[in-house]
């Protein structure tokens, strides 16, 4: 949902095709696999593109992945408490005119979290299917001390990188009307 909202903000028409590609530990490889699998199955639309994206959260250089359950999400939040970590989102855009790839990184710092705050974050369920076990556009915004870098990369779709890739491929959002 967050990627849909961000992409819609660019004013480009799109449709969502859920990828069937398995995910590994590397965001760029995952984004490539997603884009390629959807392009192979659905084709690249004439005058359009296929976009694949994946986000990873790195604490001390180690990828946290998506928590398997509430307890795992709690452990991730406690690990991030009072600390800075890196969020990297990779995007791959495939078009008839070629392909573009990018990886945008941002540094996110959590405030120190009490047990009550961790439980409050977990109760929202926003940890489900999210690398690092949180959603910056949700309750976690209340416990984040700062972000250095592209906040849309933390949400899950770095708009500057997507727009730049589309522009290089002749599909700039600002060059389209109606």
N, C-alpha and C. Protein backbone atom coordinates (compact mmCIF):
# COMPACT_ATOMS: atom_id res chain seq x y z
N UNK A 1 0.80 -1.22 0.00
CA UNK A 1 0.00 0.00 0.00
C UNK A 1 0.84 1.28 0.00
N UNK A 2 1.95 1.28 0.75
CA UNK A 2 2.78 2.48 0.81
C UNK A 2 3.45 2.74 -0.53
N UNK A 3 3.87 1.71 -1.22
CA UNK A 3 4.49 1.92 -2.54
C UNK A 3 3.45 2.41 -3.55
N UNK A 4 2.25 1.90 -3.47
CA UNK A 4 1.18 2.38 -4.37
C UNK A 4 0.94 3.87 -4.16
N UNK A 5 0.85 4.30 -2.92
CA UNK A 5 0.60 5.71 -2.63
C UNK A 5 1.74 6.58 -3.14
N UNK A 6 2.97 6.15 -2.94
CA UNK A 6 4.11 6.93 -3.42
C UNK A 6 4.12 7.01 -4.94
N UNK A 7 3.91 5.89 -5.61
CA UNK A 7 3.90 5.89 -7.07
C UNK A 7 2.77 6.76 -7.61
N UNK A 8 1.62 6.69 -6.98
CA UNK A 8 0.48 7.52 -7.41
C UNK A 8 0.82 9.01 -7.29
N UNK A 9 1.65 9.36 -6.31
CA UNK A 9 2.00 10.77 -6.14
C UNK A 9 2.80 11.32 -7.32
N UNK A 10 3.42 10.45 -8.11
CA UNK A 10 4.14 10.89 -9.31
C UNK A 10 3.18 11.22 -10.45
N UNK A 11 1.93 10.79 -10.33
CA UNK A 11 0.94 11.09 -11.36
C UNK A 11 1.02 10.18 -12.58
N UNK A 12 1.62 9.03 -12.43
CA UNK A 12 1.70 8.08 -13.55
C UNK A 12 0.65 6.99 -13.36
N UNK A 13 0.10 6.56 -14.47
CA UNK A 13 -0.85 5.44 -14.41
C UNK A 13 -0.07 4.15 -14.17
N UNK A 14 -0.61 3.28 -13.35
CA UNK A 14 0.06 2.00 -13.10
C UNK A 14 -0.97 0.97 -12.66
N UNK A 15 -0.55 -0.28 -12.75
CA UNK A 15 -1.33 -1.36 -12.17
C UNK A 15 -0.36 -2.24 -11.40
N UNK A 16 -0.86 -2.85 -10.37
CA UNK A 16 -0.03 -3.68 -9.51
C UNK A 16 -0.15 -5.13 -9.95
N UNK A 17 1.00 -5.76 -10.18
CA UNK A 17 1.06 -7.19 -10.48
C UNK A 17 1.98 -7.78 -9.42
N UNK A 18 1.43 -8.60 -8.57
CA UNK A 18 2.23 -9.19 -7.49
C UNK A 18 3.26 -10.15 -8.06
N UNK A 19 4.53 -9.94 -7.71
CA UNK A 19 5.56 -10.85 -8.21
C UNK A 19 5.50 -12.20 -7.51
N UNK A 20 5.96 -13.21 -8.21
CA UNK A 20 6.01 -14.56 -7.66
C UNK A 20 7.45 -15.00 -7.41
N UNK A 21 8.37 -14.07 -7.51
CA UNK A 21 9.79 -14.39 -7.34
C UNK A 21 10.11 -14.60 -5.87
N UNK A 22 10.90 -15.62 -5.55
CA UNK A 22 11.31 -15.80 -4.15
C UNK A 22 12.26 -14.69 -3.74
N UNK A 23 12.26 -14.35 -2.45
CA UNK A 23 13.13 -13.29 -1.95
C UNK A 23 14.35 -13.88 -1.26
N UNK A 24 15.49 -13.27 -1.53
CA UNK A 24 16.73 -13.63 -0.87
C UNK A 24 17.17 -12.50 0.04
N UNK A 25 18.43 -12.51 0.46
CA UNK A 25 18.90 -11.51 1.42
C UNK A 25 19.28 -10.15 0.82
N UNK A 26 19.43 -10.05 -0.50
CA UNK A 26 19.89 -8.80 -1.12
C UNK A 26 18.76 -8.06 -1.80
N UNK A 27 18.54 -6.80 -1.41
CA UNK A 27 17.42 -6.01 -1.94
C UNK A 27 17.52 -5.80 -3.44
N UNK A 28 18.71 -5.51 -3.96
CA UNK A 28 18.83 -5.28 -5.40
C UNK A 28 18.54 -6.54 -6.19
N UNK A 29 19.04 -7.67 -5.74
CA UNK A 29 18.74 -8.94 -6.41
C UNK A 29 17.24 -9.23 -6.34
N UNK A 30 16.61 -8.95 -5.22
CA UNK A 30 15.17 -9.17 -5.09
C UNK A 30 14.39 -8.27 -6.04
N UNK A 31 14.79 -6.99 -6.12
CA UNK A 31 14.10 -6.06 -7.02
C UNK A 31 14.25 -6.52 -8.47
N UNK A 32 15.44 -6.97 -8.84
CA UNK A 32 15.67 -7.50 -10.20
C UNK A 32 14.77 -8.70 -10.47
N UNK A 33 14.77 -9.64 -9.52
CA UNK A 33 13.98 -10.86 -9.70
C UNK A 33 12.50 -10.54 -9.83
N UNK A 34 12.01 -9.62 -8.99
CA UNK A 34 10.60 -9.23 -9.05
C UNK A 34 10.26 -8.62 -10.40
N UNK A 35 11.07 -7.65 -10.84
CA UNK A 35 10.80 -6.98 -12.12
C UNK A 35 10.87 -7.96 -13.28
N UNK A 36 11.89 -8.79 -13.29
CA UNK A 36 12.04 -9.75 -14.40
C UNK A 36 10.91 -10.77 -14.44
N UNK A 37 10.51 -11.26 -13.28
CA UNK A 37 9.44 -12.26 -13.24
C UNK A 37 8.13 -11.67 -13.73
N UNK A 38 7.80 -10.46 -13.30
CA UNK A 38 6.56 -9.82 -13.74
C UNK A 38 6.63 -9.51 -15.23
N UNK A 39 7.78 -9.02 -15.71
CA UNK A 39 7.93 -8.72 -17.14
C UNK A 39 7.79 -9.99 -17.98
N UNK A 40 8.34 -11.10 -17.51
CA UNK A 40 8.25 -12.36 -18.25
C UNK A 40 6.81 -12.88 -18.28
N UNK A 41 6.10 -12.69 -17.19
CA UNK A 41 4.74 -13.20 -17.09
C UNK A 41 3.72 -12.28 -17.74
N UNK A 42 3.86 -10.97 -17.54
CA UNK A 42 2.85 -10.01 -18.00
C UNK A 42 3.29 -9.17 -19.18
N UNK A 43 4.60 -9.16 -19.45
CA UNK A 43 5.13 -8.33 -20.52
C UNK A 43 5.35 -6.90 -20.05
N UNK A 44 6.15 -6.17 -20.82
CA UNK A 44 6.35 -4.75 -20.57
C UNK A 44 5.30 -4.01 -21.37
N UNK A 45 4.49 -3.19 -20.72
CA UNK A 45 3.42 -2.50 -21.46
C UNK A 45 4.00 -1.53 -22.49
N UNK A 46 3.39 -1.45 -23.67
CA UNK A 46 3.88 -0.51 -24.69
C UNK A 46 3.89 0.92 -24.13
N UNK A 47 5.02 1.58 -24.26
CA UNK A 47 5.14 2.93 -23.74
C UNK A 47 5.21 3.00 -22.23
N UNK A 48 5.42 1.87 -21.60
CA UNK A 48 5.46 1.82 -20.14
C UNK A 48 6.66 1.07 -19.62
N UNK A 49 6.58 0.65 -18.40
CA UNK A 49 7.70 -0.03 -17.75
C UNK A 49 7.19 -0.98 -16.68
N UNK A 50 8.09 -1.84 -16.24
CA UNK A 50 7.84 -2.71 -15.09
C UNK A 50 8.81 -2.27 -14.00
N UNK A 51 8.27 -2.08 -12.81
CA UNK A 51 9.06 -1.61 -11.68
C UNK A 51 9.10 -2.70 -10.61
N UNK A 52 10.28 -3.03 -10.15
CA UNK A 52 10.46 -3.94 -9.03
C UNK A 52 11.16 -3.20 -7.91
N UNK A 53 10.79 -3.45 -6.68
CA UNK A 53 11.42 -2.77 -5.54
C UNK A 53 11.52 -3.72 -4.36
N UNK A 54 12.52 -3.49 -3.53
CA UNK A 54 12.68 -4.27 -2.30
C UNK A 54 13.45 -3.43 -1.29
N UNK A 55 13.11 -3.60 -0.04
CA UNK A 55 13.71 -2.81 1.04
C UNK A 55 14.39 -3.74 2.03
N UNK A 56 15.57 -3.30 2.50
CA UNK A 56 16.27 -4.04 3.55
C UNK A 56 16.66 -3.08 4.67
N UNK A 57 16.67 -3.61 5.88
CA UNK A 57 17.07 -2.86 7.06
C UNK A 57 18.35 -3.50 7.58
N UNK A 58 19.37 -2.67 7.78
CA UNK A 58 20.68 -3.16 8.21
C UNK A 58 21.05 -2.55 9.56
N UNK A 59 21.30 -3.40 10.52
CA UNK A 59 21.76 -2.97 11.84
C UNK A 59 23.16 -3.54 12.03
N UNK A 60 24.13 -2.67 12.22
CA UNK A 60 25.53 -3.09 12.33
C UNK A 60 25.95 -3.92 11.12
N UNK A 61 25.45 -3.55 9.93
CA UNK A 61 25.81 -4.25 8.71
C UNK A 61 25.08 -5.56 8.47
N UNK A 62 24.24 -5.96 9.40
CA UNK A 62 23.51 -7.23 9.28
C UNK A 62 22.07 -6.96 8.89
N UNK A 63 21.60 -7.64 7.83
CA UNK A 63 20.21 -7.49 7.39
C UNK A 63 19.27 -8.11 8.42
N UNK A 64 18.25 -7.35 8.79
CA UNK A 64 17.28 -7.86 9.77
C UNK A 64 16.18 -8.68 9.12
N UNK A 65 15.85 -8.42 7.89
CA UNK A 65 14.81 -9.18 7.22
C UNK A 65 13.42 -8.85 7.76
N UNK A 66 12.47 -9.70 7.43
CA UNK A 66 11.09 -9.54 7.89
C UNK A 66 10.88 -10.48 9.07
N UNK A 67 10.31 -9.99 10.15
CA UNK A 67 10.14 -10.86 11.32
C UNK A 67 9.13 -11.99 11.03
N UNK A 68 9.42 -13.15 11.59
CA UNK A 68 8.54 -14.31 11.40
C UNK A 68 7.27 -14.19 12.25
N UNK A 69 7.33 -13.42 13.30
CA UNK A 69 6.17 -13.28 14.18
C UNK A 69 6.36 -12.11 15.12
N UNK A 70 5.40 -11.96 16.00
CA UNK A 70 5.42 -10.84 16.94
C UNK A 70 6.69 -10.83 17.81
N UNK A 71 7.10 -11.98 18.30
CA UNK A 71 8.30 -12.04 19.15
C UNK A 71 9.53 -11.60 18.38
N UNK A 72 9.65 -12.04 17.14
CA UNK A 72 10.78 -11.63 16.30
C UNK A 72 10.77 -10.14 16.03
N UNK A 73 9.59 -9.59 15.81
CA UNK A 73 9.47 -8.15 15.58
C UNK A 73 9.87 -7.38 16.84
N UNK A 74 9.45 -7.88 17.99
CA UNK A 74 9.83 -7.24 19.26
C UNK A 74 11.33 -7.24 19.45
N UNK A 75 11.97 -8.36 19.12
CA UNK A 75 13.43 -8.44 19.25
C UNK A 75 14.11 -7.43 18.31
N UNK A 76 13.57 -7.27 17.11
CA UNK A 76 14.14 -6.30 16.18
C UNK A 76 13.99 -4.88 16.70
N UNK A 77 12.81 -4.55 17.20
CA UNK A 77 12.58 -3.20 17.72
C UNK A 77 13.49 -2.91 18.91
N UNK A 78 13.67 -3.90 19.77
CA UNK A 78 14.56 -3.70 20.92
C UNK A 78 16.01 -3.52 20.46
N UNK A 79 16.37 -4.21 19.40
CA UNK A 79 17.73 -4.05 18.84
C UNK A 79 17.93 -2.65 18.26
N UNK A 80 16.88 -2.09 17.65
CA UNK A 80 16.97 -0.77 17.03
C UNK A 80 16.82 0.37 18.04
N UNK A 81 16.32 0.06 19.22
CA UNK A 81 16.05 1.06 20.26
C UNK A 81 17.28 1.91 20.57
N UNK A 82 17.12 3.24 20.45
CA UNK A 82 18.18 4.16 20.80
C UNK A 82 19.37 4.15 19.86
N UNK A 83 19.20 3.55 18.70
CA UNK A 83 20.33 3.37 17.79
C UNK A 83 20.00 3.82 16.37
N UNK A 84 21.06 4.00 15.63
CA UNK A 84 20.93 4.31 14.20
C UNK A 84 21.07 3.01 13.40
N UNK A 85 20.32 2.94 12.31
CA UNK A 85 20.45 1.81 11.39
C UNK A 85 20.27 2.35 9.97
N UNK A 86 20.51 1.50 9.00
CA UNK A 86 20.41 1.88 7.60
C UNK A 86 19.22 1.17 6.97
N UNK A 87 18.46 1.92 6.19
CA UNK A 87 17.39 1.34 5.39
C UNK A 87 17.77 1.58 3.93
N UNK A 88 17.80 0.51 3.14
CA UNK A 88 18.14 0.62 1.72
C UNK A 88 17.00 0.05 0.90
N UNK A 89 16.54 0.82 -0.07
CA UNK A 89 15.53 0.32 -1.00
C UNK A 89 16.12 0.32 -2.39
N UNK A 90 16.03 -0.83 -3.03
CA UNK A 90 16.51 -0.99 -4.40
C UNK A 90 15.31 -0.97 -5.35
N UNK A 91 15.51 -0.35 -6.50
CA UNK A 91 14.48 -0.33 -7.54
C UNK A 91 15.10 -0.74 -8.87
N UNK A 92 14.32 -1.46 -9.65
CA UNK A 92 14.71 -1.85 -11.00
C UNK A 92 13.54 -1.50 -11.91
N UNK A 93 13.84 -0.75 -12.96
CA UNK A 93 12.83 -0.35 -13.93
C UNK A 93 13.20 -0.97 -15.27
N UNK A 94 12.30 -1.78 -15.82
CA UNK A 94 12.49 -2.40 -17.12
C UNK A 94 11.53 -1.77 -18.11
N UNK A 95 12.06 -1.31 -19.25
CA UNK A 95 11.24 -0.71 -20.30
C UNK A 95 11.73 -1.23 -21.64
N UNK A 96 10.96 -0.95 -22.69
CA UNK A 96 11.36 -1.38 -24.02
C UNK A 96 12.72 -0.79 -24.41
N UNK A 97 13.03 0.38 -23.87
CA UNK A 97 14.28 1.06 -24.20
C UNK A 97 15.45 0.69 -23.32
N UNK A 98 15.29 -0.24 -22.40
CA UNK A 98 16.40 -0.64 -21.55
C UNK A 98 15.97 -0.83 -20.11
N UNK A 99 16.95 -0.79 -19.24
CA UNK A 99 16.71 -1.02 -17.81
C UNK A 99 17.55 -0.05 -16.99
N UNK A 100 17.04 0.30 -15.84
CA UNK A 100 17.77 1.15 -14.90
C UNK A 100 17.63 0.55 -13.51
N UNK A 101 18.69 0.68 -12.73
CA UNK A 101 18.70 0.18 -11.36
C UNK A 101 19.23 1.27 -10.43
N UNK A 102 18.74 1.26 -9.22
CA UNK A 102 19.24 2.19 -8.21
C UNK A 102 19.02 1.60 -6.83
N UNK A 103 19.85 2.03 -5.90
CA UNK A 103 19.68 1.66 -4.50
C UNK A 103 19.87 2.93 -3.70
N UNK A 104 18.85 3.31 -2.97
CA UNK A 104 18.91 4.51 -2.13
C UNK A 104 18.97 4.10 -0.67
N UNK A 105 19.82 4.78 0.08
CA UNK A 105 19.99 4.47 1.49
C UNK A 105 19.64 5.68 2.35
N UNK A 106 19.14 5.39 3.52
CA UNK A 106 18.88 6.44 4.50
C UNK A 106 19.28 5.90 5.87
N UNK A 107 19.67 6.80 6.73
CA UNK A 107 20.00 6.43 8.11
C UNK A 107 18.83 6.85 8.99
N UNK A 108 18.37 5.91 9.79
CA UNK A 108 17.23 6.15 10.68
C UNK A 108 17.69 5.93 12.11
N UNK A 109 17.31 6.86 12.98
CA UNK A 109 17.66 6.73 14.40
C UNK A 109 16.38 6.63 15.22
N UNK A 110 16.29 5.56 15.98
CA UNK A 110 15.18 5.38 16.91
C UNK A 110 15.51 6.05 18.24
N UNK A 111 14.50 6.59 18.90
CA UNK A 111 14.65 7.03 20.28
C UNK A 111 14.76 5.75 21.14
N UNK A 112 15.29 5.85 22.34
CA UNK A 112 15.27 4.68 23.23
C UNK A 112 13.81 4.28 23.49
N UNK A 113 13.53 2.99 23.39
CA UNK A 113 12.17 2.48 23.53
C UNK A 113 11.97 1.78 24.86
N UNK A 114 10.88 2.13 25.53
CA UNK A 114 10.49 1.40 26.74
C UNK A 114 9.77 0.12 26.31
N UNK A 115 9.59 -0.79 27.25
CA UNK A 115 8.83 -2.01 26.95
C UNK A 115 7.41 -1.66 26.52
N UNK A 116 6.83 -0.65 27.14
CA UNK A 116 5.46 -0.23 26.79
C UNK A 116 5.40 0.29 25.36
N UNK A 117 6.41 1.03 24.92
CA UNK A 117 6.44 1.53 23.55
C UNK A 117 6.59 0.39 22.56
N UNK A 118 7.43 -0.58 22.88
CA UNK A 118 7.59 -1.74 21.98
C UNK A 118 6.27 -2.46 21.83
N UNK A 119 5.58 -2.70 22.95
CA UNK A 119 4.28 -3.39 22.88
C UNK A 119 3.26 -2.58 22.09
N UNK A 120 3.27 -1.27 22.26
CA UNK A 120 2.37 -0.37 21.52
C UNK A 120 2.63 -0.46 20.03
N UNK A 121 3.90 -0.49 19.64
CA UNK A 121 4.26 -0.65 18.22
C UNK A 121 3.80 -2.01 17.69
N UNK A 122 4.03 -3.04 18.48
CA UNK A 122 3.65 -4.39 18.06
C UNK A 122 2.14 -4.53 17.92
N UNK A 123 1.39 -3.91 18.84
CA UNK A 123 -0.07 -4.00 18.82
C UNK A 123 -0.68 -3.48 17.52
N UNK A 124 0.01 -2.56 16.87
CA UNK A 124 -0.50 -2.00 15.61
C UNK A 124 -0.42 -3.01 14.47
N UNK A 125 0.42 -4.03 14.61
CA UNK A 125 0.55 -5.04 13.55
C UNK A 125 1.33 -4.57 12.34
N UNK A 126 1.92 -3.40 12.42
CA UNK A 126 2.64 -2.84 11.27
C UNK A 126 3.95 -3.56 10.98
N UNK A 127 4.35 -4.44 11.88
CA UNK A 127 5.58 -5.21 11.70
C UNK A 127 5.42 -6.31 10.65
N UNK A 128 4.18 -6.69 10.36
CA UNK A 128 3.93 -7.81 9.43
C UNK A 128 4.45 -7.47 8.03
N UNK A 129 5.25 -8.37 7.49
CA UNK A 129 5.78 -8.27 6.12
C UNK A 129 6.61 -7.00 5.91
N UNK A 130 7.29 -6.54 6.96
CA UNK A 130 8.11 -5.33 6.86
C UNK A 130 9.52 -5.61 7.36
N UNK A 131 10.50 -5.34 6.53
CA UNK A 131 11.89 -5.47 6.94
C UNK A 131 12.14 -4.58 8.16
N UNK A 132 12.79 -5.15 9.15
CA UNK A 132 13.08 -4.41 10.37
C UNK A 132 11.95 -4.39 11.37
N UNK A 133 10.77 -4.82 10.95
CA UNK A 133 9.64 -4.93 11.88
C UNK A 133 8.92 -3.64 12.20
N UNK A 134 9.04 -2.62 11.33
CA UNK A 134 8.32 -1.37 11.60
C UNK A 134 7.97 -0.66 10.29
N UNK A 135 7.03 0.28 10.39
CA UNK A 135 6.64 1.11 9.25
C UNK A 135 6.80 2.57 9.66
N UNK A 136 7.71 3.28 9.01
CA UNK A 136 7.98 4.67 9.38
C UNK A 136 6.75 5.56 9.17
N UNK A 137 5.88 5.17 8.26
CA UNK A 137 4.67 5.97 8.00
C UNK A 137 3.54 5.61 8.96
N UNK A 138 3.82 4.73 9.89
CA UNK A 138 2.83 4.34 10.89
C UNK A 138 3.24 4.82 12.27
N UNK A 139 2.97 3.98 13.26
CA UNK A 139 3.25 4.35 14.65
C UNK A 139 4.74 4.62 14.89
N UNK A 140 5.60 3.96 14.15
CA UNK A 140 7.04 4.13 14.38
C UNK A 140 7.47 5.59 14.21
N UNK A 141 6.72 6.37 13.44
CA UNK A 141 7.06 7.79 13.28
C UNK A 141 7.14 8.50 14.63
N UNK A 142 6.41 8.01 15.61
CA UNK A 142 6.39 8.64 16.93
C UNK A 142 7.64 8.33 17.75
N UNK A 143 8.42 7.34 17.34
CA UNK A 143 9.59 6.95 18.12
C UNK A 143 10.89 7.12 17.35
N UNK A 144 10.82 7.77 16.21
CA UNK A 144 12.01 8.00 15.40
C UNK A 144 12.57 9.38 15.72
N UNK A 145 13.85 9.41 16.07
CA UNK A 145 14.51 10.66 16.41
C UNK A 145 14.95 11.43 15.17
N UNK A 146 15.24 10.72 14.08
CA UNK A 146 15.68 11.42 12.89
C UNK A 146 15.92 10.49 11.72
N UNK A 147 15.92 11.09 10.53
CA UNK A 147 16.21 10.38 9.28
C UNK A 147 17.20 11.24 8.51
N UNK A 148 18.26 10.62 8.05
CA UNK A 148 19.21 11.29 7.19
C UNK A 148 19.20 10.57 5.85
N UNK A 149 18.73 11.26 4.83
CA UNK A 149 18.62 10.64 3.51
C UNK A 149 17.19 10.70 3.01
N UNK A 150 16.92 9.93 2.00
CA UNK A 150 15.63 9.94 1.32
C UNK A 150 14.58 9.18 2.14
N UNK A 151 13.65 9.91 2.74
CA UNK A 151 12.63 9.27 3.57
C UNK A 151 11.74 8.35 2.74
N UNK A 152 11.55 8.63 1.43
CA UNK A 152 10.73 7.73 0.62
C UNK A 152 11.42 6.38 0.43
N UNK A 153 12.74 6.34 0.55
CA UNK A 153 13.45 5.05 0.52
C UNK A 153 13.10 4.25 1.77
N UNK A 154 12.92 4.93 2.89
CA UNK A 154 12.56 4.24 4.14
C UNK A 154 11.13 3.73 4.05
N UNK A 155 10.26 4.49 3.41
CA UNK A 155 8.86 4.06 3.24
C UNK A 155 8.79 2.86 2.30
N UNK A 156 9.71 2.80 1.31
CA UNK A 156 9.75 1.62 0.44
C UNK A 156 9.83 1.88 -1.04
N UNK A 157 9.88 3.16 -1.46
CA UNK A 157 10.01 3.45 -2.90
C UNK A 157 10.66 4.82 -3.07
N UNK A 158 11.96 4.85 -3.33
CA UNK A 158 12.66 6.14 -3.46
C UNK A 158 12.21 6.88 -4.73
N UNK A 159 11.35 7.86 -4.53
CA UNK A 159 10.73 8.54 -5.68
C UNK A 159 11.73 9.24 -6.58
N UNK A 160 12.76 9.84 -6.02
CA UNK A 160 13.77 10.49 -6.86
C UNK A 160 14.44 9.51 -7.79
N UNK A 161 14.80 8.35 -7.29
CA UNK A 161 15.45 7.32 -8.10
C UNK A 161 14.50 6.77 -9.15
N UNK A 162 13.24 6.57 -8.78
CA UNK A 162 12.25 6.07 -9.75
C UNK A 162 12.03 7.08 -10.86
N UNK A 163 11.83 8.35 -10.50
CA UNK A 163 11.61 9.39 -11.50
C UNK A 163 12.82 9.54 -12.41
N UNK A 164 14.02 9.48 -11.85
CA UNK A 164 15.24 9.58 -12.67
C UNK A 164 15.35 8.41 -13.64
N UNK A 165 15.05 7.21 -13.16
CA UNK A 165 15.10 6.04 -14.04
C UNK A 165 14.09 6.17 -15.17
N UNK A 166 12.88 6.57 -14.83
CA UNK A 166 11.86 6.76 -15.87
C UNK A 166 12.30 7.82 -16.88
N UNK A 167 12.91 8.89 -16.42
CA UNK A 167 13.36 9.96 -17.31
C UNK A 167 14.42 9.45 -18.29
N UNK A 168 15.39 8.71 -17.80
CA UNK A 168 16.44 8.16 -18.66
C UNK A 168 15.85 7.24 -19.72
N UNK A 169 14.78 6.55 -19.36
CA UNK A 169 14.14 5.61 -20.28
C UNK A 169 13.09 6.28 -21.17
N UNK A 170 13.01 7.60 -21.11
CA UNK A 170 12.07 8.35 -21.95
C UNK A 170 10.64 8.32 -21.44
N UNK A 171 10.48 8.03 -20.14
CA UNK A 171 9.16 7.91 -19.55
C UNK A 171 8.96 8.88 -18.38
N UNK A 172 9.62 10.02 -18.44
CA UNK A 172 9.56 10.98 -17.33
C UNK A 172 8.13 11.33 -16.98
N UNK A 173 7.78 11.28 -15.69
CA UNK A 173 6.40 11.62 -15.29
C UNK A 173 6.00 13.04 -15.70
N UNK A 174 6.95 13.97 -15.70
CA UNK A 174 6.65 15.35 -16.04
C UNK A 174 6.51 15.56 -17.53
N UNK A 175 6.81 14.55 -18.35
CA UNK A 175 6.67 14.67 -19.80
C UNK A 175 5.38 14.07 -20.34
N UNK A 176 4.52 13.63 -19.42
CA UNK A 176 3.27 12.97 -19.82
C UNK A 176 2.08 13.86 -19.46
N UNK A 177 1.12 13.88 -20.32
CA UNK A 177 -0.10 14.66 -20.07
C UNK A 177 -1.31 13.73 -20.20
N UNK A 178 -2.26 13.95 -19.27
CA UNK A 178 -3.54 13.25 -19.34
C UNK A 178 -3.41 11.82 -19.21
